[in-house]
All heavy atoms as atom14 arrays in JSON, in Angstrom:
{
  "sequence": "GTAIFTKEKPQNAFNGIGIEKFDTEGRVITLEYEKFFIINVYTPNS",
  "atom14_mask": [
    [1, 1, 1, 1, 0, 0, 0, 0, 0, 0, 0, 0, 0, 0],
    [1, 1, 1, 1, 1, 1, 1, 0, 0, 0, 0, 0, 0, 0],
    [1, 1, 1, 1, 1, 0, 0, 0, 0, 0, 0, 0, 0, 0],
    [1, 1, 1, 1, 1, 1, 1, 1, 0, 0, 0, 0, 0, 0],
    [1, 1, 1, 1, 1, 1, 1, 1, 1, 1, 1, 0, 0, 0],
    [1, 1, 1, 1, 1, 1, 1, 0, 0, 0, 0, 0, 0, 0],
    [1, 1, 1, 1, 1, 1, 1, 1, 1, 0, 0, 0, 0, 0],
    [1, 1, 1, 1, 1, 1, 1, 1, 1, 0, 0, 0, 0, 0],
    [1, 1, 1, 1, 1, 1, 1, 1, 1, 0, 0, 0, 0, 0],
    [1, 1, 1, 1, 1, 1, 1, 0, 0, 0, 0, 0, 0, 0],
    [1, 1, 1, 1, 1, 1, 1, 1, 1, 0, 0, 0, 0, 0],
    [1, 1, 1, 1, 1, 1, 1, 1, 0, 0, 0, 0, 0, 0],
    [1, 1, 1, 1, 1, 0, 0, 0, 0, 0, 0, 0, 0, 0],
    [1, 1, 1, 1, 1, 1, 1, 1, 1, 1, 1, 0, 0, 0],
    [1, 1, 1, 1, 1, 1, 1, 1, 0, 0, 0, 0, 0, 0],
    [1, 1, 1, 1, 0, 0, 0, 0, 0, 0, 0, 0, 0, 0],
    [1, 1, 1, 1, 1, 1, 1, 1, 0, 0, 0, 0, 0, 0],
    [1, 1, 1, 1, 0, 0, 0, 0, 0, 0, 0, 0, 0, 0],
    [1, 1, 1, 1, 1, 1, 1, 1, 0, 0, 0, 0, 0, 0],
    [1, 1, 1, 1, 1, 1, 1, 1, 1, 0, 0, 0, 0, 0],
    [1, 1, 1, 1, 1, 1, 1, 1, 1, 0, 0, 0, 0, 0],
    [1, 1, 1, 1, 1, 1, 1, 1, 1, 1, 1, 0, 0, 0],
    [1, 1, 1, 1, 1, 1, 1, 1, 0, 0, 0, 0, 0, 0],
    [1, 1, 1, 1, 1, 1, 1, 0, 0, 0, 0, 0, 0, 0],
    [1, 1, 1, 1, 1, 1, 1, 1, 1, 0, 0, 0, 0, 0],
    [1, 1, 1, 1, 0, 0, 0, 0, 0, 0, 0, 0, 0, 0],
    [1, 1, 1, 1, 1, 1, 1, 1, 1, 1, 1, 0, 0, 0],
    [1, 1, 1, 1, 1, 1, 1, 0, 0, 0, 0, 0, 0, 0],
    [1, 1, 1, 1, 1, 1, 1, 1, 0, 0, 0, 0, 0, 0],
    [1, 1, 1, 1, 1, 1, 1, 0, 0, 0, 0, 0, 0, 0],
    [1, 1, 1, 1, 1, 1, 1, 1, 0, 0, 0, 0, 0, 0],
    [1, 1, 1, 1, 1, 1, 1, 1, 1, 0, 0, 0, 0, 0],
    [1, 1, 1, 1, 1, 1, 1, 1, 1, 1, 1, 1, 0, 0],
    [1, 1, 1, 1, 1, 1, 1, 1, 1, 0, 0, 0, 0, 0],
    [1, 1, 1, 1, 1, 1, 1, 1, 1, 0, 0, 0, 0, 0],
    [1, 1, 1, 1, 1, 1, 1, 1, 1, 1, 1, 0, 0, 0],
    [1, 1, 1, 1, 1, 1, 1, 1, 1, 1, 1, 0, 0, 0],
    [1, 1, 1, 1, 1, 1, 1, 1, 0, 0, 0, 0, 0, 0],
    [1, 1, 1, 1, 1, 1, 1, 1, 0, 0, 0, 0, 0, 0],
    [1, 1, 1, 1, 1, 1, 1, 1, 0, 0, 0, 0, 0, 0],
    [1, 1, 1, 1, 1, 1, 1, 0, 0, 0, 0, 0, 0, 0],
    [1, 1, 1, 1, 1, 1, 1, 1, 1, 1, 1, 1, 0, 0],
    [1, 1, 1, 1, 1, 1, 1, 0, 0, 0, 0, 0, 0, 0],
    [1, 1, 1, 1, 1, 1, 1, 0, 0, 0, 0, 0, 0, 0],
    [1, 1, 1, 1, 1, 1, 1, 1, 0, 0, 0, 0, 0, 0],
    [1, 1, 1, 1, 1, 1, 0, 0, 0, 0, 0, 0, 0, 0]
  ],
  "atom14_positions": [
    [[-1.07, -14.09, -13.45], [-0.65, -15.43, -13.08], [0.85, -15.54, -12.81], [1.66, -14.85, -13.42], [0.0, 0.0, 0.0], [0.0, 0.0, 0.0], [0.0, 0.0, 0.0], [0.0, 0.0, 0.0], [0.0, 0.0, 0.0], [0.0, 0.0, 0.0], [0.0, 0.0, 0.0], [0.0, 0.0, 0.0], [0.0, 0.0, 0.0], [0.0, 0.0, 0.0]],
    [[1.19, -16.43, -11.88], [2.57, -16.63, -11.46], [2.85, -18.13, -11.29], [1.91, -18.92, -11.15], [2.91, -15.9, -10.15], [1.89, -16.18, -9.2], [3.01, -14.41, -10.37], [0.0, 0.0, 0.0], [0.0, 0.0, 0.0], [0.0, 0.0, 0.0], [0.0, 0.0, 0.0], [0.0, 0.0, 0.0], [0.0, 0.0, 0.0], [0.0, 0.0, 0.0]],
    [[4.13, -18.49, -11.31], [4.53, -19.87, -11.08], [5.94, -19.88, -10.5], [6.74, -18.98, -10.76], [4.51, -20.68, -12.38], [0.0, 0.0, 0.0], [0.0, 0.0, 0.0], [0.0, 0.0, 0.0], [0.0, 0.0, 0.0], [0.0, 0.0, 0.0], [0.0, 0.0, 0.0], [0.0, 0.0, 0.0], [0.0, 0.0, 0.0], [0.0, 0.0, 0.0]],
    [[6.2, -20.92, -9.7], [7.57, -21.16, -9.19], [7.92, -22.63, -9.42], [7.12, -23.51, -9.14], [7.71, -20.84, -7.68], [7.36, -19.37, -7.38], [9.12, -21.13, -7.22], [7.52, -19.01, -5.88], [0.0, 0.0, 0.0], [0.0, 0.0, 0.0], [0.0, 0.0, 0.0], [0.0, 0.0, 0.0], [0.0, 0.0, 0.0], [0.0, 0.0, 0.0]],
    [[9.13, -22.85, -9.9], [9.7, -24.19, -10.02], [10.93, -24.25, -9.15], [11.82, -23.38, -9.26], [10.06, -24.47, -11.49], [8.91, -24.22, -12.43], [8.83, -23.02, -13.13], [7.92, -25.16, -12.58], [7.76, -22.77, -13.96], [6.85, -24.94, -13.43], [6.78, -23.73, -14.12], [0.0, 0.0, 0.0], [0.0, 0.0, 0.0], [0.0, 0.0, 0.0]],
    [[11.01, -25.23, -8.26], [12.1, -25.29, -7.31], [12.62, -26.72, -7.17], [11.82, -27.67, -7.13], [11.65, -24.74, -5.93], [12.71, -24.92, -4.96], [10.41, -25.44, -5.4], [0.0, 0.0, 0.0], [0.0, 0.0, 0.0], [0.0, 0.0, 0.0], [0.0, 0.0, 0.0], [0.0, 0.0, 0.0], [0.0, 0.0, 0.0], [0.0, 0.0, 0.0]],
    [[13.92, -26.86, -7.09], [14.53, -28.17, -6.93], [14.35, -28.71, -5.52], [14.27, -29.92, -5.33], [16.01, -28.1, -7.28], [16.3, -27.86, -8.75], [17.8, -27.84, -9.04], [18.09, -27.65, -10.51], [19.53, -27.58, -10.78], [0.0, 0.0, 0.0], [0.0, 0.0, 0.0], [0.0, 0.0, 0.0], [0.0, 0.0, 0.0], [0.0, 0.0, 0.0]],
    [[14.35, -27.83, -4.53], [14.23, -28.25, -3.13], [12.8, -28.01, -2.67], [12.27, -26.92, -2.78], [15.19, -27.47, -2.26], [15.15, -27.88, -0.8], [16.14, -27.13, 0.08], [17.01, -26.43, -0.48], [16.02, -27.22, 1.33], [0.0, 0.0, 0.0], [0.0, 0.0, 0.0], [0.0, 0.0, 0.0], [0.0, 0.0, 0.0], [0.0, 0.0, 0.0]],
    [[12.2, -29.06, -2.13], [10.83, -28.96, -1.66], [10.75, -28.0, -0.5], [11.51, -28.11, 0.48], [10.33, -30.32, -1.23], [8.86, -30.34, -0.87], [8.39, -31.75, -0.53], [6.9, -31.79, -0.18], [6.45, -33.15, 0.13], [0.0, 0.0, 0.0], [0.0, 0.0, 0.0], [0.0, 0.0, 0.0], [0.0, 0.0, 0.0], [0.0, 0.0, 0.0]],
    [[9.85, -27.02, -0.53], [9.69, -26.07, 0.6], [8.95, -26.69, 1.77], [8.24, -27.69, 1.62], [8.9, -24.92, -0.03], [8.06, -25.58, -1.07], [8.92, -26.67, -1.63], [0.0, 0.0, 0.0], [0.0, 0.0, 0.0], [0.0, 0.0, 0.0], [0.0, 0.0, 0.0], [0.0, 0.0, 0.0], [0.0, 0.0, 0.0], [0.0, 0.0, 0.0]],
    [[9.09, -26.06, 2.91], [8.33, -26.48, 4.08], [6.85, -26.17, 3.91], [5.99, -26.94, 4.35], [8.86, -25.78, 5.34], [10.28, -26.17, 5.72], [10.78, -25.39, 6.9], [10.31, -24.3, 7.22], [11.78, -25.93, 7.59], [0.0, 0.0, 0.0], [0.0, 0.0, 0.0], [0.0, 0.0, 0.0], [0.0, 0.0, 0.0], [0.0, 0.0, 0.0]],
    [[6.56, -25.01, 3.31], [5.18, -24.58, 3.1], [5.1, -23.74, 1.81], [6.12, -23.19, 1.37], [4.68, -23.71, 4.26], [4.51, -24.51, 5.56], [3.67, -25.37, 5.64], [5.34, -24.21, 6.53], [0.0, 0.0, 0.0], [0.0, 0.0, 0.0], [0.0, 0.0, 0.0], [0.0, 0.0, 0.0], [0.0, 0.0, 0.0], [0.0, 0.0, 0.0]],
    [[3.91, -23.67, 1.25], [3.65, -22.83, 0.09], [2.33, -22.1, 0.25], [1.37, -22.71, 0.75], [3.66, -23.66, -1.18], [0.0, 0.0, 0.0], [0.0, 0.0, 0.0], [0.0, 0.0, 0.0], [0.0, 0.0, 0.0], [0.0, 0.0, 0.0], [0.0, 0.0, 0.0], [0.0, 0.0, 0.0], [0.0, 0.0, 0.0], [0.0, 0.0, 0.0]],
    [[2.29, -20.82, -0.11], [1.09, -20.01, 0.07], [0.85, -19.19, -1.2], [1.79, -18.66, -1.78], [1.27, -19.02, 1.24], [1.82, -19.64, 2.5], [3.18, -19.57, 2.74], [1.0, -20.25, 3.42], [3.72, -20.11, 3.91], [1.53, -20.79, 4.58], [2.89, -20.71, 4.82], [0.0, 0.0, 0.0], [0.0, 0.0, 0.0], [0.0, 0.0, 0.0]],
    [[-0.39, -19.06, -1.6], [-0.78, -18.17, -2.69], [-1.43, -16.92, -2.11], [-2.22, -16.99, -1.17], [-1.75, -18.85, -3.65], [-1.05, -19.84, -4.57], [0.18, -19.9, -4.62], [-1.83, -20.59, -5.32], [0.0, 0.0, 0.0], [0.0, 0.0, 0.0], [0.0, 0.0, 0.0], [0.0, 0.0, 0.0], [0.0, 0.0, 0.0], [0.0, 0.0, 0.0]],
    [[-1.11, -15.76, -2.72], [-1.73, -14.52, -2.3], [-1.14, -13.93, -1.05], [-0.16, -14.43, -0.49], [0.0, 0.0, 0.0], [0.0, 0.0, 0.0], [0.0, 0.0, 0.0], [0.0, 0.0, 0.0], [0.0, 0.0, 0.0], [0.0, 0.0, 0.0], [0.0, 0.0, 0.0], [0.0, 0.0, 0.0], [0.0, 0.0, 0.0], [0.0, 0.0, 0.0]],
    [[-1.78, -12.86, -0.57], [-1.31, -12.17, 0.62], [-2.4, -12.12, 1.68], [-2.27, -11.4, 2.66], [-0.79, -10.75, 0.31], [-1.9, -9.88, -0.36], [0.43, -10.81, -0.59], [-1.45, -8.42, -0.56], [0.0, 0.0, 0.0], [0.0, 0.0, 0.0], [0.0, 0.0, 0.0], [0.0, 0.0, 0.0], [0.0, 0.0, 0.0], [0.0, 0.0, 0.0]],
    [[-3.49, -12.85, 1.49], [-4.51, -12.96, 2.5], [-5.57, -11.88, 2.48], [-6.33, -11.73, 3.44], [0.0, 0.0, 0.0], [0.0, 0.0, 0.0], [0.0, 0.0, 0.0], [0.0, 0.0, 0.0], [0.0, 0.0, 0.0], [0.0, 0.0, 0.0], [0.0, 0.0, 0.0], [0.0, 0.0, 0.0], [0.0, 0.0, 0.0], [0.0, 0.0, 0.0]],
    [[-5.64, -11.11, 1.36], [-6.65, -10.07, 1.22], [-7.37, -10.32, -0.09], [-6.77, -10.25, -1.17], [-6.02, -8.67, 1.23], [-5.27, -8.42, 2.57], [-7.08, -7.6, 1.02], [-4.51, -7.13, 2.61], [0.0, 0.0, 0.0], [0.0, 0.0, 0.0], [0.0, 0.0, 0.0], [0.0, 0.0, 0.0], [0.0, 0.0, 0.0], [0.0, 0.0, 0.0]],
    [[-8.65, -10.61, -0.03], [-9.39, -11.12, -1.19], [-9.3, -10.18, -2.39], [-9.1, -10.67, -3.53], [-10.86, -11.33, -0.81], [-11.66, -11.95, -1.92], [-13.09, -12.26, -1.51], [-13.43, -12.03, -0.34], [-13.87, -12.75, -2.35], [0.0, 0.0, 0.0], [0.0, 0.0, 0.0], [0.0, 0.0, 0.0], [0.0, 0.0, 0.0], [0.0, 0.0, 0.0]],
    [[-9.41, -8.88, -2.2], [-9.44, -7.99, -3.37], [-8.11, -7.94, -4.09], [-8.05, -7.48, -5.23], [-9.87, -6.59, -2.95], [-8.91, -5.83, -2.08], [-9.48, -4.44, -1.75], [-8.58, -3.65, -0.82], [-9.16, -2.33, -0.52], [0.0, 0.0, 0.0], [0.0, 0.0, 0.0], [0.0, 0.0, 0.0], [0.0, 0.0, 0.0], [0.0, 0.0, 0.0]],
    [[-7.04, -8.45, -3.46], [-5.75, -8.48, -4.1], [-5.37, -9.91, -4.54], [-4.33, -10.09, -5.21], [-4.65, -7.97, -3.16], [-4.83, -6.54, -2.76], [-4.86, -6.17, -1.43], [-4.98, -5.54, -3.72], [-5.04, -4.85, -1.06], [-5.16, -4.23, -3.36], [-5.2, -3.87, -2.02], [0.0, 0.0, 0.0], [0.0, 0.0, 0.0], [0.0, 0.0, 0.0]],
    [[-6.18, -10.88, -4.17], [-5.77, -12.27, -4.4], [-6.54, -12.96, -5.52], [-6.48, -14.18, -5.63], [-5.92, -13.06, -3.09], [-4.84, -12.7, -2.09], [-3.85, -12.04, -2.47], [-5.0, -13.06, -0.89], [0.0, 0.0, 0.0], [0.0, 0.0, 0.0], [0.0, 0.0, 0.0], [0.0, 0.0, 0.0], [0.0, 0.0, 0.0], [0.0, 0.0, 0.0]],
    [[-7.24, -12.21, -6.35], [-8.0, -12.81, -7.45], [-7.24, -12.82, -8.76], [-7.72, -13.37, -9.75], [-9.33, -12.06, -7.67], [-9.03, -10.67, -8.0], [-10.2, -12.11, -6.43], [0.0, 0.0, 0.0], [0.0, 0.0, 0.0], [0.0, 0.0, 0.0], [0.0, 0.0, 0.0], [0.0, 0.0, 0.0], [0.0, 0.0, 0.0], [0.0, 0.0, 0.0]],
    [[-6.04, -12.2, -8.78], [-5.3, -12.05, -10.03], [-4.05, -12.9, -10.09], [-3.24, -12.75, -11.01], [-4.97, -10.57, -10.27], [-6.24, -9.72, -10.41], [-5.97, -8.26, -10.68], [-4.79, -7.84, -10.61], [-6.93, -7.53, -11.0], [0.0, 0.0, 0.0], [0.0, 0.0, 0.0], [0.0, 0.0, 0.0], [0.0, 0.0, 0.0], [0.0, 0.0, 0.0]],
    [[-3.85, -13.79, -9.15], [-2.75, -14.74, -9.2], [-1.39, -14.13, -9.15], [-0.46, -14.61, -9.8], [0.0, 0.0, 0.0], [0.0, 0.0, 0.0], [0.0, 0.0, 0.0], [0.0, 0.0, 0.0], [0.0, 0.0, 0.0], [0.0, 0.0, 0.0], [0.0, 0.0, 0.0], [0.0, 0.0, 0.0], [0.0, 0.0, 0.0], [0.0, 0.0, 0.0]],
    [[-1.2, -13.08, -8.32], [0.03, -12.29, -8.4], [1.14, -12.69, -7.43], [2.26, -12.21, -7.58], [-0.34, -10.81, -8.16], [-1.18, -10.23, -9.3], [-1.41, -8.75, -9.14], [-2.16, -8.2, -10.27], [-1.65, -7.81, -11.41], [-0.32, -7.88, -11.58], [-2.39, -7.34, -12.39], [0.0, 0.0, 0.0], [0.0, 0.0, 0.0], [0.0, 0.0, 0.0]],
    [[0.87, -13.5, -6.44], [1.89, -13.77, -5.43], [1.91, -15.24, -5.06], [0.88, -15.87, -4.84], [1.63, -12.94, -4.13], [2.66, -13.27, -3.07], [1.63, -11.45, -4.44], [0.0, 0.0, 0.0], [0.0, 0.0, 0.0], [0.0, 0.0, 0.0], [0.0, 0.0, 0.0], [0.0, 0.0, 0.0], [0.0, 0.0, 0.0], [0.0, 0.0, 0.0]],
    [[3.13, -15.81, -5.04], [3.38, -17.14, -4.47], [4.51, -17.0, -3.46], [5.54, -16.4, -3.76], [3.78, -18.16, -5.53], [2.73, -18.3, -6.63], [4.02, -19.55, -4.88], [3.15, -19.17, -7.8], [0.0, 0.0, 0.0], [0.0, 0.0, 0.0], [0.0, 0.0, 0.0], [0.0, 0.0, 0.0], [0.0, 0.0, 0.0], [0.0, 0.0, 0.0]],
    [[4.34, -17.57, -2.28], [5.38, -17.58, -1.25], [5.77, -19.02, -0.92], [4.89, -19.86, -0.67], [4.88, -16.9, 0.04], [4.49, -15.55, -0.27], [5.96, -16.87, 1.1], [0.0, 0.0, 0.0], [0.0, 0.0, 0.0], [0.0, 0.0, 0.0], [0.0, 0.0, 0.0], [0.0, 0.0, 0.0], [0.0, 0.0, 0.0], [0.0, 0.0, 0.0]],
    [[7.04, -19.31, -0.92], [7.57, -20.59, -0.46], [8.38, -20.35, 0.8], [9.19, -19.43, 0.86], [8.46, -21.26, -1.51], [7.83, -21.53, -2.89], [8.81, -22.3, -3.74], [6.51, -22.25, -2.78], [0.0, 0.0, 0.0], [0.0, 0.0, 0.0], [0.0, 0.0, 0.0], [0.0, 0.0, 0.0], [0.0, 0.0, 0.0], [0.0, 0.0, 0.0]],
    [[8.15, -21.19, 1.79], [8.9, -21.1, 3.04], [9.94, -22.18, 3.1], [9.64, -23.38, 2.93], [7.97, -21.23, 4.23], [8.7, -21.13, 5.59], [7.8, -21.32, 6.79], [6.59, -21.59, 6.61], [8.32, -21.2, 7.93], [0.0, 0.0, 0.0], [0.0, 0.0, 0.0], [0.0, 0.0, 0.0], [0.0, 0.0, 0.0], [0.0, 0.0, 0.0]],
    [[11.18, -21.8, 3.37], [12.31, -22.71, 3.61], [12.79, -22.51, 5.06], [12.3, -21.64, 5.76], [13.41, -22.48, 2.6], [13.04, -22.93, 1.2], [12.51, -22.01, 0.3], [13.21, -24.25, 0.85], [12.15, -22.45, -0.97], [12.85, -24.69, -0.43], [12.33, -23.79, -1.33], [11.96, -24.21, -2.58], [0.0, 0.0, 0.0], [0.0, 0.0, 0.0]],
    [[13.72, -23.34, 5.46], [14.16, -23.31, 6.84], [14.64, -21.94, 7.28], [14.34, -21.48, 8.39], [15.28, -24.35, 7.05], [15.76, -24.41, 8.51], [16.9, -25.41, 8.68], [17.25, -26.09, 7.7], [17.41, -25.52, 9.8], [0.0, 0.0, 0.0], [0.0, 0.0, 0.0], [0.0, 0.0, 0.0], [0.0, 0.0, 0.0], [0.0, 0.0, 0.0]],
    [[15.41, -21.26, 6.43], [16.05, -20.02, 6.82], [15.51, -18.77, 6.14], [15.94, -17.67, 6.47], [17.56, -20.12, 6.58], [18.24, -21.18, 7.44], [19.72, -21.21, 7.18], [20.41, -22.28, 8.05], [21.89, -22.33, 7.8], [0.0, 0.0, 0.0], [0.0, 0.0, 0.0], [0.0, 0.0, 0.0], [0.0, 0.0, 0.0], [0.0, 0.0, 0.0]],
    [[14.59, -18.92, 5.18], [14.14, -17.74, 4.44], [12.82, -18.04, 3.74], [12.39, -19.2, 3.64], [15.17, -17.31, 3.4], [15.38, -18.3, 2.29], [14.75, -18.15, 1.07], [16.21, -19.4, 2.45], [14.93, -19.05, 0.03], [16.41, -20.32, 1.43], [15.76, -20.15, 0.21], [0.0, 0.0, 0.0], [0.0, 0.0, 0.0], [0.0, 0.0, 0.0]],
    [[12.16, -16.98, 3.28], [11.01, -17.06, 2.37], [11.44, -16.57, 1.03], [12.16, -15.58, 0.89], [9.85, -16.16, 2.86], [9.16, -16.65, 4.12], [9.58, -16.21, 5.37], [8.09, -17.5, 4.02], [8.92, -16.64, 6.52], [7.42, -17.94, 5.16], [7.83, -17.5, 6.41], [0.0, 0.0, 0.0], [0.0, 0.0, 0.0], [0.0, 0.0, 0.0]],
    [[10.95, -17.24, -0.04], [11.09, -16.71, -1.39], [9.67, -16.37, -1.89], [8.74, -17.18, -1.77], [11.78, -17.72, -2.34], [11.83, -17.19, -3.77], [11.12, -19.1, -2.3], [12.92, -16.2, -4.03], [0.0, 0.0, 0.0], [0.0, 0.0, 0.0], [0.0, 0.0, 0.0], [0.0, 0.0, 0.0], [0.0, 0.0, 0.0], [0.0, 0.0, 0.0]],
    [[9.53, -15.16, -2.4], [8.23, -14.67, -2.84], [8.34, -14.25, -4.3], [9.22, -13.47, -4.66], [7.76, -13.47, -1.99], [7.74, -13.84, -0.5], [6.36, -13.02, -2.44], [7.52, -12.63, 0.4], [0.0, 0.0, 0.0], [0.0, 0.0, 0.0], [0.0, 0.0, 0.0], [0.0, 0.0, 0.0], [0.0, 0.0, 0.0], [0.0, 0.0, 0.0]],
    [[7.44, -14.78, -5.11], [7.34, -14.42, -6.51], [6.16, -13.47, -6.64], [5.04, -13.81, -6.23], [7.13, -15.66, -7.35], [7.05, -15.39, -8.84], [7.49, -14.36, -9.32], [6.49, -16.34, -9.56], [0.0, 0.0, 0.0], [0.0, 0.0, 0.0], [0.0, 0.0, 0.0], [0.0, 0.0, 0.0], [0.0, 0.0, 0.0], [0.0, 0.0, 0.0]],
    [[6.37, -12.28, -7.22], [5.32, -11.27, -7.24], [5.23, -10.58, -8.6], [6.27, -10.26, -9.23], [5.53, -10.21, -6.11], [6.89, -9.56, -6.18], [4.43, -9.16, -6.12], [0.0, 0.0, 0.0], [0.0, 0.0, 0.0], [0.0, 0.0, 0.0], [0.0, 0.0, 0.0], [0.0, 0.0, 0.0], [0.0, 0.0, 0.0], [0.0, 0.0, 0.0]],
    [[4.02, -10.36, -9.04], [3.74, -9.6, -10.26], [2.85, -8.42, -9.85], [1.66, -8.54, -9.67], [3.05, -10.49, -11.31], [2.63, -9.78, -12.56], [3.42, -8.78, -13.13], [1.44, -10.14, -13.21], [3.03, -8.15, -14.3], [1.06, -9.5, -14.39], [1.85, -8.53, -14.91], [1.49, -7.88, -16.08], [0.0, 0.0, 0.0], [0.0, 0.0, 0.0]],
    [[3.49, -7.28, -9.67], [2.82, -6.07, -9.15], [1.85, -5.51, -10.18], [2.18, -5.41, -11.36], [3.88, -5.02, -8.76], [4.74, -5.57, -7.77], [3.22, -3.77, -8.24], [0.0, 0.0, 0.0], [0.0, 0.0, 0.0], [0.0, 0.0, 0.0], [0.0, 0.0, 0.0], [0.0, 0.0, 0.0], [0.0, 0.0, 0.0], [0.0, 0.0, 0.0]],
    [[0.67, -5.06, -9.77], [-0.29, -4.5, -10.71], [0.25, -3.26, -11.41], [0.92, -2.42, -10.82], [-1.49, -4.11, -9.82], [-1.35, -4.95, -8.6], [0.12, -5.16, -8.39], [0.0, 0.0, 0.0], [0.0, 0.0, 0.0], [0.0, 0.0, 0.0], [0.0, 0.0, 0.0], [0.0, 0.0, 0.0], [0.0, 0.0, 0.0], [0.0, 0.0, 0.0]],
    [[-0.05, -3.16, -12.71], [0.3, -1.98, -13.48], [-0.73, -0.89, -13.21], [-1.92, -1.15, -13.07], [0.3, -2.37, -14.97], [0.86, -1.29, -15.87], [0.29, -0.19, -15.96], [1.94, -1.58, -16.54], [0.0, 0.0, 0.0], [0.0, 0.0, 0.0], [0.0, 0.0, 0.0], [0.0, 0.0, 0.0], [0.0, 0.0, 0.0], [0.0, 0.0, 0.0]],
    [[-0.24, 0.35, -13.16], [-1.17, 1.47, -12.89], [-2.02, 1.85, -14.08], [-2.95, 2.65, -13.93], [-0.36, 2.7, -12.42], [0.2, 2.44, -11.17], [0.0, 0.0, 0.0], [0.0, 0.0, 0.0], [0.0, 0.0, 0.0], [0.0, 0.0, 0.0], [0.0, 0.0, 0.0], [0.0, 0.0, 0.0], [0.0, 0.0, 0.0], [0.0, 0.0, 0.0]]
  ]
}
């Protein structure tokens, strides 16, 4: 699981990376701003 708290509202927000087998564990949040993306990621442990 992941979370992001931001003072400035993003243009868009996305969970996951668009591949089902990687998106069931809550590992990625992406926020889109005017000039950049901020991505919060918790990489799987081997």
